[in-house]
Amino acid sequence: MWTRVPTIVDGNTISGDWTISFSDRPVGRISYAPEAPGQGAWAWSLIGVPDVSGRAWTEEAAMTSIKETAAGPSSEVA
C-alpha cells in the first residue's frame, strides 16, 4: 500500500515535503518547490537513486511519477 508522511530531517518536519512509502518502505520524496514560471512546482525523486527525479505541475502528478517510476514495467515495486 502507498502512503505519504511528512518528511522529518534532524527531528524537524519540513513544510511541503513528503516521504512516499510502499508497504512501509520509503521509496521517494515529493516537495513543493516552485522554481520558475513554466516549470512544475512539485519536485519528485526516488530515494537512493539520485539520477531519477523530475518535476510535476501538481502534488498528485508528482506522487504518480514516484509510483510509476518505482514500479517500472511491472506492477511490483522494485
PDB file of N, CA and C in Angstrom:
ATOM      1  N   MET A   1       0.823  -1.152   0.000  1.00  0.00           N
ATOM      2  CA  MET A   1       0.000   0.000   0.000  1.00  0.00           C
ATOM      3  C   MET A   1       0.897   1.255   0.000  1.00  0.00           C
ATOM      4  N   TRP A   2       0.513   2.245  -0.783  1.00  0.00           N
ATOM      5  CA  TRP A   2       1.238   3.510  -0.870  1.00  0.00           C
ATOM      6  C   TRP A   2       0.777   4.458   0.233  1.00  0.00           C
ATOM      7  N   THR A   3       1.744   5.104   0.881  1.00  0.00           N
ATOM      8  CA  THR A   3       1.430   6.102   1.899  1.00  0.00           C
ATOM      9  C   THR A   3       2.362   7.295   1.738  1.00  0.00           C
ATOM     10  N   ARG A   4       1.965   8.405   2.340  1.00  0.00           N
ATOM     11  CA  ARG A   4       2.845   9.572   2.372  1.00  0.00           C
ATOM     12  C   ARG A   4       2.811  10.123   3.782  1.00  0.00           C
ATOM     13  N   VAL A   5       3.984  10.510   4.265  1.00  0.00           N
ATOM     14  CA  VAL A   5       4.103  11.106   5.594  1.00  0.00           C
ATOM     15  C   VAL A   5       4.996  12.335   5.467  1.00  0.00           C
ATOM     16  N   PRO A   6       4.826  13.303   6.353  1.00  0.00           N
ATOM     17  CA  PRO A   6       5.710  14.460   6.298  1.00  0.00           C
ATOM     18  C   PRO A   6       7.171  14.023   6.463  1.00  0.00           C
ATOM     19  N   THR A   7       8.049  14.626   5.678  1.00  0.00           N
ATOM     20  CA  THR A   7       9.475  14.330   5.775  1.00  0.00           C
ATOM     21  C   THR A   7      10.031  14.984   7.032  1.00  0.00           C
ATOM     22  N   ILE A   8      10.823  14.224   7.778  1.00  0.00           N
ATOM     23  CA  ILE A   8      11.443  14.722   9.004  1.00  0.00           C
ATOM     24  C   ILE A   8      12.951  14.650   8.835  1.00  0.00           C
ATOM     25  N   VAL A   9      13.613  15.778   9.023  1.00  0.00           N
ATOM     26  CA  VAL A   9      15.073  15.856   8.959  1.00  0.00           C
ATOM     27  C   VAL A   9      15.559  16.468  10.265  1.00  0.00           C
ATOM     28  N   ASP A  10      16.492  15.799  10.916  1.00  0.00           N
ATOM     29  CA  ASP A  10      17.031  16.262  12.204  1.00  0.00           C
ATOM     30  C   ASP A  10      15.925  16.556  13.217  1.00  0.00           C
ATOM     31  N   GLY A  11      14.884  15.730  13.208  1.00  0.00           N
ATOM     32  CA  GLY A  11      13.792  15.866  14.156  1.00  0.00           C
ATOM     33  C   GLY A  11      12.763  16.928  13.821  1.00  0.00           C
ATOM     34  N   ASN A  12      12.937  17.608  12.684  1.00  0.00           N
ATOM     35  CA  ASN A  12      12.014  18.667  12.288  1.00  0.00           C
ATOM     36  C   ASN A  12      11.257  18.289  11.026  1.00  0.00           C
ATOM     37  N   THR A  13       9.952  18.574  11.023  1.00  0.00           N
ATOM     38  CA  THR A  13       9.132  18.354   9.841  1.00  0.00           C
ATOM     39  C   THR A  13       9.421  19.453   8.836  1.00  0.00           C
ATOM     40  N   ILE A  14       9.554  19.077   7.570  1.00  0.00           N
ATOM     41  CA  ILE A  14       9.810  20.047   6.515  1.00  0.00           C
ATOM     42  C   ILE A  14       8.483  20.367   5.839  1.00  0.00           C
ATOM     43  N   SER A  15       8.102  21.624   5.854  1.00  0.00           N
ATOM     44  CA  SER A  15       6.843  22.057   5.267  1.00  0.00           C
ATOM     45  C   SER A  15       6.825  21.795   3.766  1.00  0.00           C
ATOM     46  N   GLY A  16       5.721  21.196   3.283  1.00  0.00           N
ATOM     47  CA  GLY A  16       5.566  20.951   1.853  1.00  0.00           C
ATOM     48  C   GLY A  16       6.422  19.826   1.310  1.00  0.00           C
ATOM     49  N   ASP A  17       6.973  18.986   2.184  1.00  0.00           N
ATOM     50  CA  ASP A  17       7.860  17.893   1.769  1.00  0.00           C
ATOM     51  C   ASP A  17       7.309  16.589   2.327  1.00  0.00           C
ATOM     52  N   TRP A  18       7.135  15.591   1.460  1.00  0.00           N
ATOM     53  CA  TRP A  18       6.535  14.317   1.844  1.00  0.00           C
ATOM     54  C   TRP A  18       7.430  13.152   1.461  1.00  0.00           C
ATOM     55  N   THR A  19       7.518  12.163   2.349  1.00  0.00           N
ATOM     56  CA  THR A  19       8.194  10.906   2.045  1.00  0.00           C
ATOM     57  C   THR A  19       7.120   9.927   1.591  1.00  0.00           C
ATOM     58  N   ILE A  20       7.351   9.298   0.445  1.00  0.00           N
ATOM     59  CA  ILE A  20       6.398   8.353  -0.145  1.00  0.00           C
ATOM     60  C   ILE A  20       6.903   6.937   0.123  1.00  0.00           C
ATOM     61  N   SER A  21       6.050   6.105   0.697  1.00  0.00           N
ATOM     62  CA  SER A  21       6.433   4.736   1.040  1.00  0.00           C
ATOM     63  C   SER A  21       5.513   3.736   0.367  1.00  0.00           C
ATOM     64  N   PHE A  22       6.069   2.550   0.139  1.00  0.00           N
ATOM     65  CA  PHE A  22       5.283   1.419  -0.350  1.00  0.00           C
ATOM     66  C   PHE A  22       5.488   0.293   0.648  1.00  0.00           C
ATOM     67  N   SER A  23       4.401  -0.188   1.241  1.00  0.00           N
ATOM     68  CA  SER A  23       4.466  -1.237   2.270  1.00  0.00           C
ATOM     69  C   SER A  23       5.456  -0.855   3.369  1.00  0.00           C
ATOM     70  N   ASP A  24       5.345   0.376   3.843  1.00  0.00           N
ATOM     71  CA  ASP A  24       6.171   0.916   4.930  1.00  0.00           C
ATOM     72  C   ASP A  24       7.655   1.044   4.585  1.00  0.00           C
ATOM     73  N   ARG A  25       8.015   0.954   3.299  1.00  0.00           N
ATOM     74  CA  ARG A  25       9.401   1.140   2.869  1.00  0.00           C
ATOM     75  C   ARG A  25       9.499   2.445   2.087  1.00  0.00           C
ATOM     76  N   PRO A  26      10.264   3.440   2.568  1.00  0.00           N
ATOM     77  CA  PRO A  26      10.396   4.703   1.843  1.00  0.00           C
ATOM     78  C   PRO A  26      11.002   4.482   0.460  1.00  0.00           C
ATOM     79  N   VAL A  27      10.335   5.021  -0.568  1.00  0.00           N
ATOM     80  CA  VAL A  27      10.845   4.863  -1.934  1.00  0.00           C
ATOM     81  C   VAL A  27      11.077   6.198  -2.635  1.00  0.00           C
ATOM     82  N   GLY A  28      10.479   7.274  -2.130  1.00  0.00           N
ATOM     83  CA  GLY A  28      10.656   8.558  -2.805  1.00  0.00           C
ATOM     84  C   GLY A  28      10.228   9.726  -1.956  1.00  0.00           C
ATOM     85  N   ARG A  29      10.461  10.909  -2.512  1.00  0.00           N
ATOM     86  CA  ARG A  29      10.037  12.148  -1.858  1.00  0.00           C
ATOM     87  C   ARG A  29       9.432  13.081  -2.880  1.00  0.00           C
ATOM     88  N   ILE A  30       8.444  13.843  -2.427  1.00  0.00           N
ATOM     89  CA  ILE A  30       7.904  14.921  -3.243  1.00  0.00           C
ATOM     90  C   ILE A  30       7.934  16.183  -2.398  1.00  0.00           C
ATOM     91  N   SER A  31       8.140  17.323  -3.044  1.00  0.00           N
ATOM     92  CA  SER A  31       8.157  18.572  -2.295  1.00  0.00           C
ATOM     93  C   SER A  31       7.679  19.717  -3.173  1.00  0.00           C
ATOM     94  N   TYR A  32       7.026  20.668  -2.517  1.00  0.00           N
ATOM     95  CA  TYR A  32       6.584  21.862  -3.209  1.00  0.00           C
ATOM     96  C   TYR A  32       7.788  22.786  -3.303  1.00  0.00           C
ATOM     97  N   ALA A  33       8.249  23.005  -4.521  1.00  0.00           N
ATOM     98  CA  ALA A  33       9.469  23.784  -4.734  1.00  0.00           C
ATOM     99  C   ALA A  33       9.379  24.547  -6.052  1.00  0.00           C
ATOM    100  N   PRO A  34       8.551  25.602  -6.101  1.00  0.00           N
ATOM    101  CA  PRO A  34       8.448  26.367  -7.356  1.00  0.00           C
ATOM    102  C   PRO A  34       9.780  27.028  -7.688  1.00  0.00           C
ATOM    103  N   GLU A  35      10.213  26.896  -8.946  1.00  0.00           N
ATOM    104  CA  GLU A  35      11.494  27.464  -9.353  1.00  0.00           C
ATOM    105  C   GLU A  35      11.338  28.623 -10.316  1.00  0.00           C
ATOM    106  N   ALA A  36      10.580  28.420 -11.362  1.00  0.00           N
ATOM    107  CA  ALA A  36      10.448  29.456 -12.380  1.00  0.00           C
ATOM    108  C   ALA A  36       9.125  29.263 -13.118  1.00  0.00           C
ATOM    109  N   PRO A  37       8.593  30.333 -13.675  1.00  0.00           N
ATOM    110  CA  PRO A  37       7.373  30.193 -14.474  1.00  0.00           C
ATOM    111  C   PRO A  37       7.591  29.173 -15.601  1.00  0.00           C
ATOM    112  N   GLY A  38       6.572  28.376 -15.860  1.00  0.00           N
ATOM    113  CA  GLY A  38       6.672  27.387 -16.929  1.00  0.00           C
ATOM    114  C   GLY A  38       7.232  26.049 -16.487  1.00  0.00           C
ATOM    115  N   GLN A  39       7.583  25.918 -15.205  1.00  0.00           N
ATOM    116  CA  GLN A  39       8.080  24.647 -14.675  1.00  0.00           C
ATOM    117  C   GLN A  39       7.116  24.150 -13.607  1.00  0.00           C
ATOM    118  N   GLY A  40       6.995  22.854 -13.506  1.00  0.00           N
ATOM    119  CA  GLY A  40       6.147  22.283 -12.468  1.00  0.00           C
ATOM    120  C   GLY A  40       6.632  22.688 -11.093  1.00  0.00           C
ATOM    121  N   ALA A  41       5.697  22.961 -10.201  1.00  0.00           N
ATOM    122  CA  ALA A  41       6.052  23.433  -8.860  1.00  0.00           C
ATOM    123  C   ALA A  41       6.405  22.306  -7.894  1.00  0.00           C
ATOM    124  N   TRP A  42       6.125  21.072  -8.262  1.00  0.00           N
ATOM    125  CA  TRP A  42       6.405  19.938  -7.382  1.00  0.00           C
ATOM    126  C   TRP A  42       7.605  19.157  -7.895  1.00  0.00           C
ATOM    127  N   ALA A  43       8.603  18.961  -7.040  1.00  0.00           N
ATOM    128  CA  ALA A  43       9.779  18.162  -7.378  1.00  0.00           C
ATOM    129  C   ALA A  43       9.577  16.760  -6.800  1.00  0.00           C
ATOM    130  N   TRP A  44      10.038  15.755  -7.529  1.00  0.00           N
ATOM    131  CA  TRP A  44       9.945  14.389  -7.025  1.00  0.00           C
ATOM    132  C   TRP A  44      11.272  13.681  -7.274  1.00  0.00           C
ATOM    133  N   SER A  45      11.584  12.688  -6.443  1.00  0.00           N
ATOM    134  CA  SER A  45      12.804  11.904  -6.624  1.00  0.00           C
ATOM    135  C   SER A  45      12.643  10.559  -5.931  1.00  0.00           C
ATOM    136  N   LEU A  46      13.371   9.574  -6.447  1.00  0.00           N
ATOM    137  CA  LEU A  46      13.414   8.277  -5.788  1.00  0.00           C
ATOM    138  C   LEU A  46      14.534   8.309  -4.762  1.00  0.00           C
ATOM    139  N   ILE A  47      14.310   7.701  -3.617  1.00  0.00           N
ATOM    140  CA  ILE A  47      15.317   7.648  -2.571  1.00  0.00           C
ATOM    141  C   ILE A  47      16.404   6.661  -2.982  1.00  0.00           C
ATOM    142  N   GLY A  48      17.651   7.084  -2.883  1.00  0.00           N
ATOM    143  CA  GLY A  48      18.782   6.225  -3.197  1.00  0.00           C
ATOM    144  C   GLY A  48      19.118   6.147  -4.667  1.00  0.00           C
ATOM    145  N   VAL A  49      18.389   6.857  -5.510  1.00  0.00           N
ATOM    146  CA  VAL A  49      18.655   6.861  -6.952  1.00  0.00           C
ATOM    147  C   VAL A  49      18.700   8.331  -7.396  1.00  0.00           C
ATOM    148  N   PRO A  50      19.848   8.993  -7.215  1.00  0.00           N
ATOM    149  CA  PRO A  50      19.908  10.441  -7.440  1.00  0.00           C
ATOM    150  C   PRO A  50      19.602  10.894  -8.861  1.00  0.00           C
ATOM    151  N   ASP A  51      19.796  10.044  -9.841  1.00  0.00           N
ATOM    152  CA  ASP A  51      19.552  10.439 -11.231  1.00  0.00           C
ATOM    153  C   ASP A  51      18.093  10.279 -11.647  1.00  0.00           C
ATOM    154  N   VAL A  52      17.253   9.776 -10.756  1.00  0.00           N
ATOM    155  CA  VAL A  52      15.846   9.561 -11.089  1.00  0.00           C
ATOM    156  C   VAL A  52      15.009  10.591 -10.327  1.00  0.00           C
ATOM    157  N   SER A  53      14.659  11.649 -11.044  1.00  0.00           N
ATOM    158  CA  SER A  53      13.875  12.725 -10.432  1.00  0.00           C
ATOM    159  C   SER A  53      13.199  13.517 -11.534  1.00  0.00           C
ATOM    160  N   GLY A  54      12.336  14.423 -11.138  1.00  0.00           N
ATOM    161  CA  GLY A  54      11.660  15.245 -12.129  1.00  0.00           C
ATOM    162  C   GLY A  54      10.798  16.298 -11.460  1.00  0.00           C
ATOM    163  N   ARG A  55       9.985  16.940 -12.279  1.00  0.00           N
ATOM    164  CA  ARG A  55       9.088  17.981 -11.793  1.00  0.00           C
ATOM    165  C   ARG A  55       7.685  17.687 -12.309  1.00  0.00           C
ATOM    166  N   ALA A  56       6.691  18.125 -11.557  1.00  0.00           N
ATOM    167  CA  ALA A  56       5.296  17.917 -11.944  1.00  0.00           C
ATOM    168  C   ALA A  56       4.500  19.166 -11.597  1.00  0.00           C
ATOM    169  N   TRP A  57       3.360  19.322 -12.264  1.00  0.00           N
ATOM    170  CA  TRP A  57       2.524  20.501 -12.042  1.00  0.00           C
ATOM    171  C   TRP A  57       1.733  20.420 -10.752  1.00  0.00           C
ATOM    172  N   THR A  58       1.375  19.192 -10.332  1.00  0.00           N
ATOM    173  CA  THR A  58       0.552  19.040  -9.134  1.00  0.00           C
ATOM    174  C   THR A  58       1.167  18.008  -8.192  1.00  0.00           C
ATOM    175  N   GLU A  59       0.727  18.043  -6.941  1.00  0.00           N
ATOM    176  CA  GLU A  59       1.180  17.062  -5.961  1.00  0.00           C
ATOM    177  C   GLU A  59       0.781  15.654  -6.397  1.00  0.00           C
ATOM    178  N   GLU A  60      -0.434  15.518  -6.908  1.00  0.00           N
ATOM    179  CA  GLU A  60      -0.919  14.214  -7.369  1.00  0.00           C
ATOM    180  C   GLU A  60      -0.064  13.678  -8.512  1.00  0.00           C
ATOM    181  N   ALA A  61       0.303  14.538  -9.445  1.00  0.00           N
ATOM    182  CA  ALA A  61       1.145  14.115 -10.571  1.00  0.00           C
ATOM    183  C   ALA A  61       2.542  13.709 -10.091  1.00  0.00           C
ATOM    184  N   ALA A  62       3.072  14.401  -9.104  1.00  0.00           N
ATOM    185  CA  ALA A  62       4.385  14.031  -8.556  1.00  0.00           C
ATOM    186  C   ALA A  62       4.307  12.664  -7.889  1.00  0.00           C
ATOM    187  N   MET A  63       3.242  12.430  -7.142  1.00  0.00           N
ATOM    188  CA  MET A  63       3.048  11.138  -6.479  1.00  0.00           C
ATOM    189  C   MET A  63       2.919  10.025  -7.526  1.00  0.00           C
ATOM    190  N   THR A  64       2.180  10.282  -8.584  1.00  0.00           N
ATOM    191  CA  THR A  64       2.024   9.303  -9.657  1.00  0.00           C
ATOM    192  C   THR A  64       3.375   8.998 -10.309  1.00  0.00           C
ATOM    193  N   SER A  65       4.193  10.011 -10.502  1.00  0.00           N
ATOM    194  CA  SER A  65       5.520   9.807 -11.088  1.00  0.00           C
ATOM    195  C   SER A  65       6.370   8.893 -10.217  1.00  0.00           C
ATOM    196  N   ILE A  66       6.308   9.089  -8.897  1.00  0.00           N
ATOM    197  CA  ILE A  66       7.040   8.214  -7.972  1.00  0.00           C
ATOM    198  C   ILE A  66       6.548   6.776  -8.119  1.00  0.00           C
ATOM    199  N   LYS A  67       5.242   6.597  -8.094  1.00  0.00           N
ATOM    200  CA  LYS A  67       4.669   5.248  -8.177  1.00  0.00           C
ATOM    201  C   LYS A  67       5.058   4.559  -9.478  1.00  0.00           C
ATOM    202  N   GLU A  68       4.894   5.252 -10.596  1.00  0.00           N
ATOM    203  CA  GLU A  68       5.175   4.652 -11.900  1.00  0.00           C
ATOM    204  C   GLU A  68       6.668   4.365 -12.063  1.00  0.00           C
ATOM    205  N   THR A  69       7.506   5.264 -11.616  1.00  0.00           N
ATOM    206  CA  THR A  69       8.952   5.071 -11.760  1.00  0.00           C
ATOM    207  C   THR A  69       9.467   3.973 -10.858  1.00  0.00           C
ATOM    208  N   ALA A  70       8.978   3.924  -9.626  1.00  0.00           N
ATOM    209  CA  ALA A  70       9.409   2.894  -8.685  1.00  0.00           C
ATOM    210  C   ALA A  70       8.941   1.511  -9.124  1.00  0.00           C
ATOM    211  N   ALA A  71       7.757   1.438  -9.713  1.00  0.00           N
ATOM    212  CA  ALA A  71       7.209   0.148 -10.134  1.00  0.00           C
ATOM    213  C   ALA A  71       7.873  -0.362 -11.406  1.00  0.00           C
ATOM    214  N   GLY A  72       8.342   0.534 -12.247  1.00  0.00           N
ATOM    215  CA  GLY A  72       8.952   0.113 -13.506  1.00  0.00           C
ATOM    216  C   GLY A  72       7.923  -0.530 -14.409  1.00  0.00           C
ATOM    217  N   PRO A  73       8.364  -1.434 -15.287  1.00  0.00           N
ATOM    218  CA  PRO A  73       7.439  -2.037 -16.243  1.00  0.00           C
ATOM    219  C   PRO A  73       6.478  -3.054 -15.626  1.00  0.00           C
ATOM    220  N   SER A  74       6.751  -3.497 -14.389  1.00  0.00           N
ATOM    221  CA  SER A  74       5.841  -4.452 -13.754  1.00  0.00           C
ATOM    222  C   SER A  74       4.977  -3.732 -12.738  1.00  0.00           C
ATOM    223  N   SER A  75       4.056  -4.452 -12.153  1.00  0.00           N
ATOM    224  CA  SER A  75       3.170  -3.851 -11.169  1.00  0.00           C
ATOM    225  C   SER A  75       3.770  -3.912  -9.770  1.00  0.00           C
ATOM    226  N   GLU A  76       4.896  -4.576  -9.587  1.00  0.00           N
ATOM    227  CA  GLU A  76       5.545  -4.692  -8.301  1.00  0.00           C
ATOM    228  C   GLU A  76       6.610  -3.601  -8.144  1.00  0.00           C
ATOM    229  N   VAL A  77       6.784  -3.112  -6.941  1.00  0.00           N
ATOM    230  CA  VAL A  77       7.828  -2.126  -6.675  1.00  0.00           C
ATOM    231  C   VAL A  77       9.159  -2.833  -6.596  1.00  0.00           C
ATOM    232  N   ALA A  78      10.158  -2.243  -7.233  1.00  0.00           N
ATOM    233  CA  ALA A  78      11.490  -2.865  -7.264  1.00  0.00           C
ATOM    234  C   ALA A  78      12.101  -2.926  -5.900  1.00  0.00           C
TER     235      ALA A  78
END
